[in-house]
N, C-alpha and C. Protein backbone atom coordinates (compact mmCIF):
# COMPACT_ATOMS: atom_id res chain seq x y z
N UNK A 1 -24.63 -28.31 -21.26
CA UNK A 1 -23.41 -27.70 -20.49
C UNK A 1 -22.33 -28.66 -20.44
N UNK A 2 -21.17 -28.37 -20.81
CA UNK A 2 -20.04 -29.12 -20.71
C UNK A 2 -19.72 -29.39 -19.27
N UNK A 3 -19.15 -30.55 -18.79
CA UNK A 3 -18.77 -30.69 -17.42
C UNK A 3 -17.85 -29.70 -16.94
N UNK A 4 -17.04 -29.32 -17.75
CA UNK A 4 -15.77 -28.30 -17.29
C UNK A 4 -16.51 -27.02 -16.92
N UNK A 5 -17.74 -26.74 -17.43
CA UNK A 5 -18.34 -25.40 -17.14
C UNK A 5 -19.15 -25.44 -15.87
N UNK A 6 -19.47 -26.64 -15.22
CA UNK A 6 -20.14 -26.80 -14.00
C UNK A 6 -19.46 -25.90 -12.91
N UNK A 7 -20.18 -25.05 -12.28
CA UNK A 7 -19.50 -24.12 -11.12
C UNK A 7 -18.94 -22.91 -11.70
N UNK A 8 -18.72 -22.73 -13.07
CA UNK A 8 -18.09 -21.57 -13.67
C UNK A 8 -18.93 -20.34 -13.52
N UNK A 9 -18.45 -19.23 -13.01
CA UNK A 9 -19.18 -18.00 -12.85
C UNK A 9 -19.19 -17.34 -14.18
N UNK A 10 -20.23 -16.58 -14.51
CA UNK A 10 -20.57 -16.02 -15.69
C UNK A 10 -20.82 -14.60 -15.60
N UNK A 11 -20.37 -13.74 -16.40
CA UNK A 11 -20.53 -12.35 -16.13
C UNK A 11 -21.96 -11.90 -16.12
N UNK A 12 -22.20 -11.16 -15.16
CA UNK A 12 -23.68 -10.47 -14.98
C UNK A 12 -23.72 -9.00 -14.72
N UNK A 13 -24.75 -8.46 -15.08
CA UNK A 13 -25.00 -7.10 -14.81
C UNK A 13 -26.37 -6.67 -14.72
N UNK A 14 -26.67 -5.60 -14.15
CA UNK A 14 -28.09 -5.20 -13.84
C UNK A 14 -28.54 -3.97 -14.62
N UNK A 15 -29.79 -3.88 -14.77
CA UNK A 15 -30.35 -2.66 -15.45
C UNK A 15 -31.84 -2.87 -15.32
N UNK A 16 -32.60 -1.67 -15.59
CA UNK A 16 -34.09 -1.80 -15.47
C UNK A 16 -34.66 -2.62 -16.77
N UNK A 17 -35.75 -3.10 -16.71
CA UNK A 17 -36.32 -3.77 -17.90
C UNK A 17 -36.55 -2.82 -18.99
N UNK A 18 -36.83 -1.57 -18.78
CA UNK A 18 -37.00 -0.59 -19.91
C UNK A 18 -35.57 -0.36 -20.60
N UNK A 19 -34.57 -0.23 -19.71
CA UNK A 19 -33.24 -0.08 -20.38
C UNK A 19 -32.81 -1.42 -21.05
N UNK A 20 -33.13 -2.34 -20.70
CA UNK A 20 -32.74 -3.63 -21.28
C UNK A 20 -33.44 -3.69 -22.57
N UNK A 21 -34.74 -3.39 -22.83
CA UNK A 21 -35.48 -3.42 -24.00
C UNK A 21 -34.87 -2.47 -25.04
N UNK A 22 -34.39 -1.13 -24.44
CA UNK A 22 -33.86 -0.26 -25.40
C UNK A 22 -32.44 -0.65 -25.79
N UNK A 23 -31.65 -1.31 -24.94
CA UNK A 23 -30.19 -1.72 -25.25
C UNK A 23 -30.24 -2.99 -26.07
N UNK A 24 -31.21 -3.93 -25.84
CA UNK A 24 -31.22 -5.23 -26.57
C UNK A 24 -32.70 -5.21 -27.20
N UNK A 25 -32.90 -4.70 -28.16
CA UNK A 25 -34.39 -4.63 -28.77
C UNK A 25 -34.94 -6.19 -29.17
N UNK A 26 -33.78 -7.02 -29.48
CA UNK A 26 -34.19 -8.31 -30.01
C UNK A 26 -34.04 -9.39 -28.76
N UNK A 27 -33.68 -8.76 -27.55
CA UNK A 27 -33.35 -9.66 -26.30
C UNK A 27 -34.75 -10.31 -26.02
N UNK A 28 -34.55 -11.42 -25.34
CA UNK A 28 -35.60 -12.25 -24.76
C UNK A 28 -35.73 -12.22 -23.24
N UNK A 29 -36.90 -11.87 -22.65
CA UNK A 29 -37.16 -11.91 -21.34
C UNK A 29 -37.94 -13.19 -20.80
N UNK A 30 -37.47 -13.94 -19.78
CA UNK A 30 -38.00 -15.09 -19.35
C UNK A 30 -38.70 -14.86 -18.14
N UNK A 31 -40.03 -15.06 -18.11
CA UNK A 31 -40.79 -14.73 -16.73
C UNK A 31 -41.25 -15.99 -16.28
N UNK A 32 -40.98 -16.38 -15.02
CA UNK A 32 -41.42 -17.58 -14.43
C UNK A 32 -42.63 -17.27 -13.35
N UNK A 33 -43.81 -17.09 -14.13
CA UNK A 33 -44.84 -16.58 -13.45
C UNK A 33 -45.63 -17.90 -13.02
N UNK A 34 -45.36 -18.40 -12.09
CA UNK A 34 -46.03 -19.70 -11.51
C UNK A 34 -47.40 -19.39 -11.08
N UNK A 35 -47.82 -18.10 -10.85
CA UNK A 35 -49.01 -17.63 -10.32
C UNK A 35 -50.06 -17.95 -11.41
N UNK A 36 -49.79 -17.84 -12.70
CA UNK A 36 -50.55 -18.12 -13.71
C UNK A 36 -50.99 -19.55 -13.75
N UNK A 37 -50.40 -20.38 -13.09
CA UNK A 37 -50.70 -21.83 -13.11
C UNK A 37 -51.30 -22.28 -11.81
N UNK A 38 -52.11 -21.68 -11.21
CA UNK A 38 -52.77 -22.23 -9.87
C UNK A 38 -53.55 -23.36 -10.13
N UNK A 39 -53.40 -24.43 -9.21
CA UNK A 39 -54.28 -25.56 -9.52
C UNK A 39 -55.51 -25.48 -8.86
N UNK A 40 -56.49 -25.13 -9.77
CA UNK A 40 -57.88 -24.94 -9.03
C UNK A 40 -58.44 -26.26 -8.76
N UNK A 41 -58.01 -27.30 -9.12
CA UNK A 41 -58.56 -28.61 -8.72
C UNK A 41 -58.08 -28.99 -7.18
N UNK A 42 -57.07 -28.24 -6.73
CA UNK A 42 -56.48 -28.47 -5.40
C UNK A 42 -56.64 -27.23 -4.56
N UNK A 43 -57.64 -26.85 -4.03
CA UNK A 43 -57.79 -25.65 -3.41
C UNK A 43 -56.90 -25.47 -2.15
N UNK A 44 -56.55 -26.62 -1.38
CA UNK A 44 -55.74 -26.50 -0.28
C UNK A 44 -54.31 -26.02 -0.76
N UNK A 45 -53.86 -26.54 -1.95
CA UNK A 45 -52.54 -26.12 -2.46
C UNK A 45 -52.51 -24.82 -2.77
N UNK A 46 -53.64 -24.38 -3.42
CA UNK A 46 -53.83 -22.86 -4.02
C UNK A 46 -53.67 -21.94 -2.84
N UNK A 47 -54.51 -22.25 -1.61
CA UNK A 47 -54.44 -21.29 -0.58
C UNK A 47 -52.92 -21.52 0.04
N UNK A 48 -52.31 -22.62 0.22
CA UNK A 48 -50.89 -22.68 0.70
C UNK A 48 -50.03 -21.84 -0.13
N UNK A 49 -50.19 -21.89 -1.47
CA UNK A 49 -49.29 -21.19 -2.20
C UNK A 49 -49.39 -19.71 -2.12
N UNK A 50 -50.74 -19.19 -1.99
CA UNK A 50 -50.98 -17.81 -1.84
C UNK A 50 -50.45 -17.42 -0.48
N UNK A 51 -50.53 -18.13 0.56
CA UNK A 51 -50.00 -17.70 1.80
C UNK A 51 -48.49 -17.59 1.81
N UNK A 52 -47.86 -18.45 1.15
CA UNK A 52 -46.43 -18.62 1.08
C UNK A 52 -45.85 -17.33 0.28
N UNK A 53 -46.60 -17.03 -0.91
CA UNK A 53 -46.46 -15.76 -1.67
C UNK A 53 -46.42 -14.65 -0.79
N UNK A 54 -47.53 -14.48 0.03
CA UNK A 54 -47.53 -13.18 0.89
C UNK A 54 -46.27 -13.24 1.70
N UNK A 55 -46.07 -14.27 2.55
CA UNK A 55 -44.79 -14.38 3.27
C UNK A 55 -43.57 -13.94 2.74
N UNK A 56 -43.42 -14.52 1.43
CA UNK A 56 -42.14 -14.29 0.77
C UNK A 56 -41.93 -12.86 0.31
N UNK A 57 -43.25 -12.26 -0.36
CA UNK A 57 -43.23 -10.91 -0.82
C UNK A 57 -43.08 -9.76 0.33
N UNK A 58 -43.56 -10.12 1.60
CA UNK A 58 -43.41 -9.35 2.70
C UNK A 58 -42.04 -9.37 3.16
N UNK A 59 -41.58 -10.49 3.28
CA UNK A 59 -39.97 -10.58 3.75
C UNK A 59 -39.02 -9.86 2.77
N UNK A 60 -39.30 -10.03 1.33
CA UNK A 60 -38.39 -9.24 0.51
C UNK A 60 -38.56 -7.68 0.58
N UNK A 61 -39.93 -7.38 0.70
CA UNK A 61 -40.14 -5.84 0.88
C UNK A 61 -39.52 -5.35 2.02
N UNK A 62 -39.59 -6.06 3.33
CA UNK A 62 -38.98 -5.72 4.52
C UNK A 62 -37.46 -5.61 4.18
N UNK A 63 -36.83 -6.72 3.66
CA UNK A 63 -35.45 -6.75 3.59
C UNK A 63 -34.91 -5.34 2.66
N UNK A 64 -35.64 -5.17 1.84
CA UNK A 64 -35.29 -4.07 0.80
C UNK A 64 -35.51 -2.59 1.45
N UNK A 65 -36.44 -2.45 2.42
CA UNK A 65 -36.88 -1.21 3.04
C UNK A 65 -36.24 -0.87 4.35
N UNK A 66 -35.96 -2.03 5.16
CA UNK A 66 -35.59 -1.82 6.45
C UNK A 66 -33.98 -1.64 6.55
N UNK A 67 -33.58 -0.56 7.22
CA UNK A 67 -31.96 -0.27 7.19
C UNK A 67 -31.22 -1.43 7.58
N UNK A 68 -31.45 -2.12 8.56
CA UNK A 68 -30.70 -3.35 9.09
C UNK A 68 -31.33 -4.61 8.51
N UNK A 69 -30.38 -5.77 8.69
CA UNK A 69 -30.74 -6.95 8.30
C UNK A 69 -31.99 -7.43 8.89
N UNK A 70 -32.98 -8.13 8.12
CA UNK A 70 -34.26 -8.48 8.79
C UNK A 70 -34.22 -9.88 9.34
N UNK A 71 -33.32 -10.66 8.76
CA UNK A 71 -33.15 -11.89 9.27
C UNK A 71 -31.91 -12.11 10.28
N UNK A 72 -31.78 -12.73 11.43
CA UNK A 72 -30.95 -12.92 12.32
C UNK A 72 -29.74 -14.04 11.92
N UNK A 73 -29.46 -13.82 10.54
CA UNK A 73 -28.51 -14.82 10.15
C UNK A 73 -27.15 -14.09 9.83
N UNK A 74 -26.96 -12.86 10.03
CA UNK A 74 -25.75 -12.08 9.74
C UNK A 74 -24.80 -11.90 11.08
N UNK A 75 -23.70 -12.54 11.06
CA UNK A 75 -22.88 -12.67 12.30
C UNK A 75 -22.04 -11.35 12.46
N UNK A 76 -21.72 -10.78 11.30
CA UNK A 76 -20.77 -9.71 11.28
C UNK A 76 -21.37 -8.49 10.75
N UNK A 77 -21.60 -7.27 11.37
CA UNK A 77 -22.17 -6.12 10.81
C UNK A 77 -20.76 -5.21 10.64
N UNK A 78 -20.31 -5.21 9.31
CA UNK A 78 -19.17 -4.30 9.16
C UNK A 78 -19.55 -2.97 8.99
N UNK A 79 -18.90 -2.13 9.76
CA UNK A 79 -19.42 -0.62 9.74
C UNK A 79 -18.73 0.24 8.73
N UNK A 80 -18.06 -0.19 7.74
CA UNK A 80 -17.32 0.51 6.73
C UNK A 80 -18.37 1.05 5.67
N UNK A 81 -19.59 0.34 5.59
CA UNK A 81 -20.68 0.83 4.83
C UNK A 81 -21.93 0.56 5.47
N UNK A 82 -23.12 1.38 5.14
CA UNK A 82 -24.36 0.97 5.89
C UNK A 82 -24.71 -0.44 5.46
N UNK A 83 -25.28 -1.26 6.31
CA UNK A 83 -25.70 -2.62 6.01
C UNK A 83 -26.32 -2.81 4.66
N UNK A 84 -27.15 -2.05 4.25
CA UNK A 84 -27.98 -2.26 3.10
C UNK A 84 -27.49 -1.57 1.84
N UNK A 85 -26.28 -0.87 2.09
CA UNK A 85 -25.56 -0.32 0.70
C UNK A 85 -25.31 -1.52 -0.28
N UNK A 86 -25.70 -1.22 -1.40
CA UNK A 86 -25.57 -2.19 -2.43
C UNK A 86 -24.19 -1.97 -3.07
N UNK A 87 -23.48 -3.16 -3.25
CA UNK A 87 -22.14 -3.21 -3.58
C UNK A 87 -21.92 -4.01 -4.86
N UNK A 88 -21.11 -3.73 -5.74
CA UNK A 88 -20.68 -4.81 -6.63
C UNK A 88 -19.40 -5.43 -6.22
N UNK A 89 -19.50 -6.50 -5.79
CA UNK A 89 -18.24 -7.40 -5.28
C UNK A 89 -17.60 -8.28 -6.32
N UNK A 90 -16.27 -8.45 -6.30
CA UNK A 90 -15.68 -9.34 -7.39
C UNK A 90 -14.34 -9.66 -6.69
N UNK A 91 -13.77 -10.74 -7.23
CA UNK A 91 -12.72 -11.35 -6.74
C UNK A 91 -11.73 -11.77 -7.94
N UNK A 92 -10.43 -11.66 -7.50
CA UNK A 92 -9.33 -12.45 -8.39
C UNK A 92 -8.59 -13.29 -7.40
N UNK A 93 -8.75 -14.65 -7.47
CA UNK A 93 -8.16 -15.48 -6.45
C UNK A 93 -8.87 -15.13 -5.12
N UNK A 94 -8.01 -14.93 -4.13
CA UNK A 94 -8.55 -14.72 -2.79
C UNK A 94 -8.66 -13.16 -2.57
N UNK A 95 -8.35 -12.36 -3.53
CA UNK A 95 -8.42 -10.96 -3.22
C UNK A 95 -9.75 -10.43 -3.67
N UNK A 96 -10.63 -9.98 -2.65
CA UNK A 96 -12.02 -9.50 -2.91
C UNK A 96 -12.14 -8.11 -2.76
N UNK A 97 -12.85 -7.46 -3.67
CA UNK A 97 -12.98 -5.97 -3.66
C UNK A 97 -14.59 -5.74 -3.84
N UNK A 98 -15.01 -4.64 -3.13
CA UNK A 98 -16.45 -4.15 -3.19
C UNK A 98 -16.40 -2.72 -3.69
N UNK A 99 -17.22 -2.34 -4.59
CA UNK A 99 -17.32 -0.92 -5.00
C UNK A 99 -18.77 -0.52 -4.91
N UNK A 100 -19.01 0.74 -4.44
CA UNK A 100 -20.42 1.17 -4.53
C UNK A 100 -20.69 2.00 -5.87
N UNK A 101 -21.92 2.22 -6.21
CA UNK A 101 -22.10 3.05 -7.38
C UNK A 101 -21.86 4.44 -7.12
N UNK A 102 -21.89 4.94 -5.93
CA UNK A 102 -21.44 6.27 -5.48
C UNK A 102 -20.01 6.48 -5.84
N UNK A 103 -19.29 5.61 -5.47
CA UNK A 103 -17.89 5.61 -5.52
C UNK A 103 -17.48 5.72 -7.03
N UNK A 104 -18.06 4.89 -7.74
CA UNK A 104 -17.54 5.01 -9.28
C UNK A 104 -18.27 6.16 -10.04
N UNK A 105 -19.44 6.56 -9.54
CA UNK A 105 -19.89 7.79 -10.16
C UNK A 105 -19.22 9.01 -9.77
N UNK A 106 -18.84 9.05 -8.55
CA UNK A 106 -18.04 10.26 -8.00
C UNK A 106 -16.63 10.41 -8.64
N UNK A 107 -16.22 9.21 -9.34
CA UNK A 107 -14.98 9.33 -10.03
C UNK A 107 -15.09 9.57 -11.53
N UNK A 108 -15.92 10.44 -11.91
CA UNK A 108 -16.44 10.64 -13.36
C UNK A 108 -16.66 9.41 -14.02
N UNK A 109 -17.53 8.50 -13.30
CA UNK A 109 -18.10 7.38 -13.90
C UNK A 109 -17.04 6.29 -14.15
N UNK A 110 -15.77 6.29 -13.74
CA UNK A 110 -14.80 5.34 -14.00
C UNK A 110 -13.89 5.26 -12.72
N UNK A 111 -13.56 4.08 -12.40
CA UNK A 111 -12.53 3.84 -11.32
C UNK A 111 -11.64 2.70 -11.84
N UNK A 112 -10.30 2.81 -11.79
CA UNK A 112 -9.29 1.80 -12.09
C UNK A 112 -8.87 1.09 -10.72
N UNK A 113 -8.84 -0.28 -10.76
CA UNK A 113 -8.65 -1.02 -9.68
C UNK A 113 -7.63 -2.13 -10.00
N UNK A 114 -6.72 -2.59 -9.20
CA UNK A 114 -5.82 -3.55 -9.32
C UNK A 114 -6.23 -4.74 -8.33
N UNK A 115 -6.31 -5.85 -8.77
CA UNK A 115 -6.82 -6.94 -7.84
C UNK A 115 -5.94 -8.26 -8.11
N UNK A 116 -5.78 -8.97 -6.92
CA UNK A 116 -5.03 -10.20 -7.08
C UNK A 116 -3.62 -10.07 -6.78
N UNK A 117 -3.22 -11.29 -6.29
CA UNK A 117 -1.67 -11.30 -5.92
C UNK A 117 -0.77 -11.18 -7.39
N UNK A 118 -1.35 -11.76 -8.38
CA UNK A 118 -0.61 -11.37 -9.68
C UNK A 118 -1.51 -10.38 -10.32
N UNK A 119 -1.24 -9.21 -10.24
CA UNK A 119 -2.12 -8.01 -10.63
C UNK A 119 -2.97 -8.27 -11.85
N UNK A 120 -4.18 -8.01 -11.56
CA UNK A 120 -5.30 -8.08 -12.65
C UNK A 120 -5.79 -6.74 -12.60
N UNK A 121 -5.74 -6.00 -13.70
CA UNK A 121 -6.40 -4.73 -13.79
C UNK A 121 -7.75 -4.63 -14.23
N UNK A 122 -8.67 -4.12 -13.38
CA UNK A 122 -10.00 -3.85 -13.89
C UNK A 122 -10.30 -2.48 -13.93
N UNK A 123 -11.70 -2.14 -14.55
CA UNK A 123 -12.13 -0.78 -14.40
C UNK A 123 -13.64 -0.92 -14.08
N UNK A 124 -14.07 -0.29 -13.11
CA UNK A 124 -15.41 -0.17 -12.81
C UNK A 124 -16.06 1.13 -13.45
N UNK A 125 -17.05 0.96 -14.15
CA UNK A 125 -17.60 2.02 -15.01
C UNK A 125 -19.00 2.11 -15.02
N UNK A 126 -19.60 3.45 -14.91
CA UNK A 126 -21.11 3.65 -14.82
C UNK A 126 -21.48 4.09 -16.23
N UNK A 127 -22.42 3.32 -16.76
CA UNK A 127 -22.92 3.64 -18.10
C UNK A 127 -24.23 4.56 -17.89
N UNK A 128 -24.27 5.72 -18.24
CA UNK A 128 -25.30 6.70 -18.04
C UNK A 128 -26.69 6.32 -18.60
N UNK A 129 -26.48 5.88 -19.95
CA UNK A 129 -27.59 5.47 -20.70
C UNK A 129 -28.46 4.40 -20.22
N UNK A 130 -27.76 3.40 -19.63
CA UNK A 130 -28.46 2.26 -19.14
C UNK A 130 -28.63 2.05 -17.73
N UNK A 131 -28.04 3.21 -16.97
CA UNK A 131 -27.94 3.22 -15.50
C UNK A 131 -27.62 1.93 -15.06
N UNK A 132 -26.36 1.57 -15.54
CA UNK A 132 -25.79 0.38 -15.19
C UNK A 132 -24.25 0.26 -14.88
N UNK A 133 -23.81 -0.26 -13.84
CA UNK A 133 -22.46 -0.41 -13.42
C UNK A 133 -21.92 -1.63 -13.98
N UNK A 134 -20.75 -1.55 -14.68
CA UNK A 134 -20.11 -2.72 -15.11
C UNK A 134 -18.64 -2.78 -14.79
N UNK A 135 -18.16 -3.99 -14.44
CA UNK A 135 -16.65 -4.29 -14.11
C UNK A 135 -16.21 -4.98 -15.19
N UNK A 136 -15.07 -4.55 -15.67
CA UNK A 136 -14.44 -4.79 -16.93
C UNK A 136 -12.95 -5.09 -16.65
N UNK A 137 -12.37 -6.23 -17.50
CA UNK A 137 -10.94 -6.39 -17.49
C UNK A 137 -10.22 -5.43 -18.37
N UNK A 138 -9.12 -4.67 -17.80
CA UNK A 138 -8.32 -3.73 -18.72
C UNK A 138 -7.39 -4.46 -19.29
N UNK A 139 -7.06 -4.17 -20.55
CA UNK A 139 -5.97 -4.80 -21.37
C UNK A 139 -4.47 -4.59 -20.89
N UNK A 140 -4.37 -3.59 -20.05
CA UNK A 140 -2.98 -3.28 -19.52
C UNK A 140 -3.18 -2.54 -18.15
N UNK A 141 -1.89 -2.16 -17.63
CA UNK A 141 -2.04 -1.34 -16.25
C UNK A 141 -2.35 -0.01 -16.62
N UNK A 142 -2.23 0.46 -17.77
CA UNK A 142 -2.77 1.85 -18.15
C UNK A 142 -4.26 2.09 -17.76
N UNK A 143 -4.34 3.16 -16.95
CA UNK A 143 -5.71 3.44 -16.56
C UNK A 143 -6.66 3.77 -17.81
N UNK A 144 -7.83 3.57 -17.54
CA UNK A 144 -8.91 4.07 -18.46
C UNK A 144 -9.45 5.30 -17.89
N UNK A 145 -9.70 6.29 -18.67
CA UNK A 145 -10.16 7.45 -18.12
C UNK A 145 -11.65 7.86 -18.67
N UNK A 146 -12.05 7.21 -19.87
CA UNK A 146 -13.25 7.55 -20.27
C UNK A 146 -14.33 6.51 -19.93
N UNK A 147 -15.50 6.84 -19.66
CA UNK A 147 -16.42 5.70 -19.13
C UNK A 147 -16.57 4.44 -20.21
N UNK A 148 -16.92 3.49 -19.75
CA UNK A 148 -17.15 2.13 -20.47
C UNK A 148 -18.61 1.86 -20.87
N UNK A 149 -19.01 1.85 -21.95
CA UNK A 149 -20.52 1.54 -22.16
C UNK A 149 -20.83 0.20 -21.76
N UNK A 150 -22.19 -0.03 -21.87
CA UNK A 150 -22.74 -1.30 -21.54
C UNK A 150 -22.21 -2.51 -22.36
N UNK A 151 -21.61 -2.22 -23.65
CA UNK A 151 -21.24 -3.14 -24.46
C UNK A 151 -19.53 -3.41 -24.24
N UNK A 152 -19.08 -2.60 -23.39
CA UNK A 152 -17.56 -2.77 -23.05
C UNK A 152 -16.78 -1.93 -23.93
N UNK A 153 -17.32 -0.84 -24.67
CA UNK A 153 -16.51 0.00 -25.47
C UNK A 153 -16.08 1.17 -24.59
N UNK A 154 -14.82 1.42 -24.58
CA UNK A 154 -14.25 2.65 -24.03
C UNK A 154 -14.65 3.89 -24.64
N UNK A 155 -15.38 4.83 -24.04
CA UNK A 155 -15.97 6.15 -24.77
C UNK A 155 -16.76 5.63 -25.89
N UNK A 156 -17.49 4.58 -25.76
CA UNK A 156 -18.31 4.22 -26.85
C UNK A 156 -17.65 3.85 -28.34
N UNK A 157 -16.31 3.57 -28.10
CA UNK A 157 -15.77 3.23 -29.37
C UNK A 157 -14.82 2.06 -29.21
N UNK A 158 -14.50 1.47 -30.39
CA UNK A 158 -13.41 0.44 -30.31
C UNK A 158 -13.85 -0.92 -29.85
N UNK A 159 -12.84 -1.80 -29.72
CA UNK A 159 -13.25 -3.19 -29.45
C UNK A 159 -13.77 -3.21 -27.99
N UNK A 160 -14.62 -4.10 -27.66
CA UNK A 160 -15.15 -4.11 -26.33
C UNK A 160 -14.18 -4.78 -25.38
N UNK A 161 -14.19 -4.48 -24.21
CA UNK A 161 -13.57 -5.02 -23.08
C UNK A 161 -14.20 -6.36 -22.64
N UNK A 162 -13.64 -7.08 -21.96
CA UNK A 162 -14.18 -8.33 -21.41
C UNK A 162 -14.72 -8.20 -20.07
N UNK A 163 -15.97 -8.48 -19.74
CA UNK A 163 -16.57 -8.35 -18.49
C UNK A 163 -15.94 -9.44 -17.40
N UNK A 164 -15.59 -8.89 -16.25
CA UNK A 164 -15.04 -9.72 -15.22
C UNK A 164 -16.21 -10.75 -14.71
N UNK A 165 -16.00 -11.96 -14.72
CA UNK A 165 -16.92 -12.98 -14.57
C UNK A 165 -17.42 -13.25 -13.04
N UNK A 166 -16.43 -12.75 -12.17
CA UNK A 166 -16.71 -12.98 -10.69
C UNK A 166 -17.62 -11.82 -10.12
N UNK A 167 -18.16 -10.96 -10.77
CA UNK A 167 -18.94 -10.00 -10.22
C UNK A 167 -20.36 -10.40 -9.40
N UNK A 168 -20.51 -9.93 -8.31
CA UNK A 168 -21.92 -10.22 -7.63
C UNK A 168 -22.49 -8.85 -7.56
N UNK A 169 -23.36 -8.57 -8.30
CA UNK A 169 -23.70 -7.14 -8.53
C UNK A 169 -25.05 -6.87 -7.77
N UNK A 170 -24.95 -5.66 -7.09
CA UNK A 170 -26.00 -5.03 -6.46
C UNK A 170 -26.37 -5.94 -5.24
N UNK A 171 -25.37 -6.45 -4.60
CA UNK A 171 -25.59 -7.32 -3.22
C UNK A 171 -25.59 -6.38 -2.15
N UNK A 172 -26.33 -6.64 -1.06
CA UNK A 172 -26.36 -6.00 0.11
C UNK A 172 -24.94 -5.97 0.71
N UNK A 173 -24.38 -4.93 1.28
CA UNK A 173 -23.20 -4.92 1.89
C UNK A 173 -23.04 -5.92 3.15
N UNK A 174 -24.06 -5.99 3.93
CA UNK A 174 -24.09 -6.82 5.18
C UNK A 174 -23.78 -8.27 4.71
N UNK A 175 -24.39 -8.58 3.62
CA UNK A 175 -24.33 -10.05 2.99
C UNK A 175 -22.88 -10.25 2.58
N UNK A 176 -22.38 -9.44 1.63
CA UNK A 176 -20.95 -9.47 1.18
C UNK A 176 -19.91 -9.61 2.28
N UNK A 177 -20.00 -8.59 3.14
CA UNK A 177 -19.00 -8.48 4.31
C UNK A 177 -19.16 -9.69 5.20
N UNK A 178 -20.34 -10.33 5.33
CA UNK A 178 -20.36 -11.49 6.14
C UNK A 178 -19.68 -12.66 5.44
N UNK A 179 -19.76 -12.90 4.24
CA UNK A 179 -19.21 -13.91 3.46
C UNK A 179 -17.67 -13.71 3.35
N UNK A 180 -17.18 -12.45 2.99
CA UNK A 180 -15.83 -12.06 2.70
C UNK A 180 -15.41 -10.95 3.75
N UNK A 181 -15.12 -11.24 5.02
CA UNK A 181 -14.65 -10.28 5.94
C UNK A 181 -13.56 -9.35 5.49
N UNK A 182 -12.69 -9.87 4.78
CA UNK A 182 -11.29 -9.22 4.54
C UNK A 182 -11.39 -8.51 3.17
N UNK A 183 -12.80 -8.20 2.71
CA UNK A 183 -12.96 -7.58 1.48
C UNK A 183 -12.40 -6.17 1.43
N UNK A 184 -11.76 -5.70 0.37
CA UNK A 184 -11.43 -4.26 0.35
C UNK A 184 -12.51 -3.53 -0.22
N UNK A 185 -12.79 -2.22 0.14
CA UNK A 185 -13.87 -1.42 -0.15
C UNK A 185 -13.37 -0.15 -0.82
N UNK A 186 -13.98 -0.05 -2.05
CA UNK A 186 -13.81 1.09 -2.97
C UNK A 186 -12.35 1.56 -3.09
N UNK A 187 -11.45 0.64 -3.39
CA UNK A 187 -10.06 0.81 -3.56
C UNK A 187 -9.78 1.42 -4.97
N UNK A 188 -8.54 2.23 -5.15
CA UNK A 188 -8.10 2.61 -6.29
C UNK A 188 -6.74 2.19 -6.56
N UNK A 189 -6.42 1.94 -7.88
CA UNK A 189 -5.08 1.57 -8.35
C UNK A 189 -4.10 2.78 -8.02
């Protein structure tokens, strides 16, 4: 990695493993399955690791299924959305925006948004085939009315749009709102 790339955000998106395999048939999946490498020569370490696995997996399960934050580390519960609503948060400079999957899908799978003090035009789009929400840079202020596919093609055709690199995808609203209290929610251009 070049030193100028340290701390640089990279575009990310989410989809199920099945949709990933269909979309990227030659893609690689890296699994860090440390459980395969138990140290049988060290039974105390193995018992400790097993206990830590149980604690971690229980906490993750509770965090995902309990309607309120499980850990008392959230100072601000913002009532604009349910605490565990998943949002796709992004920013241009100091202007932060969060969109929900429902908001995008209710807009015929496309929402046009302007972000930043020097306006940057983006489009949030739901790709039905991969069940994935993407945030893309629009080439102009002209709204995009057709959904953008997982590869960035408007209506599945033409040159791909560029993904916005600052997206925090599928994060819990209570976490995003705690870090960015002035964030705008589900805005439209």
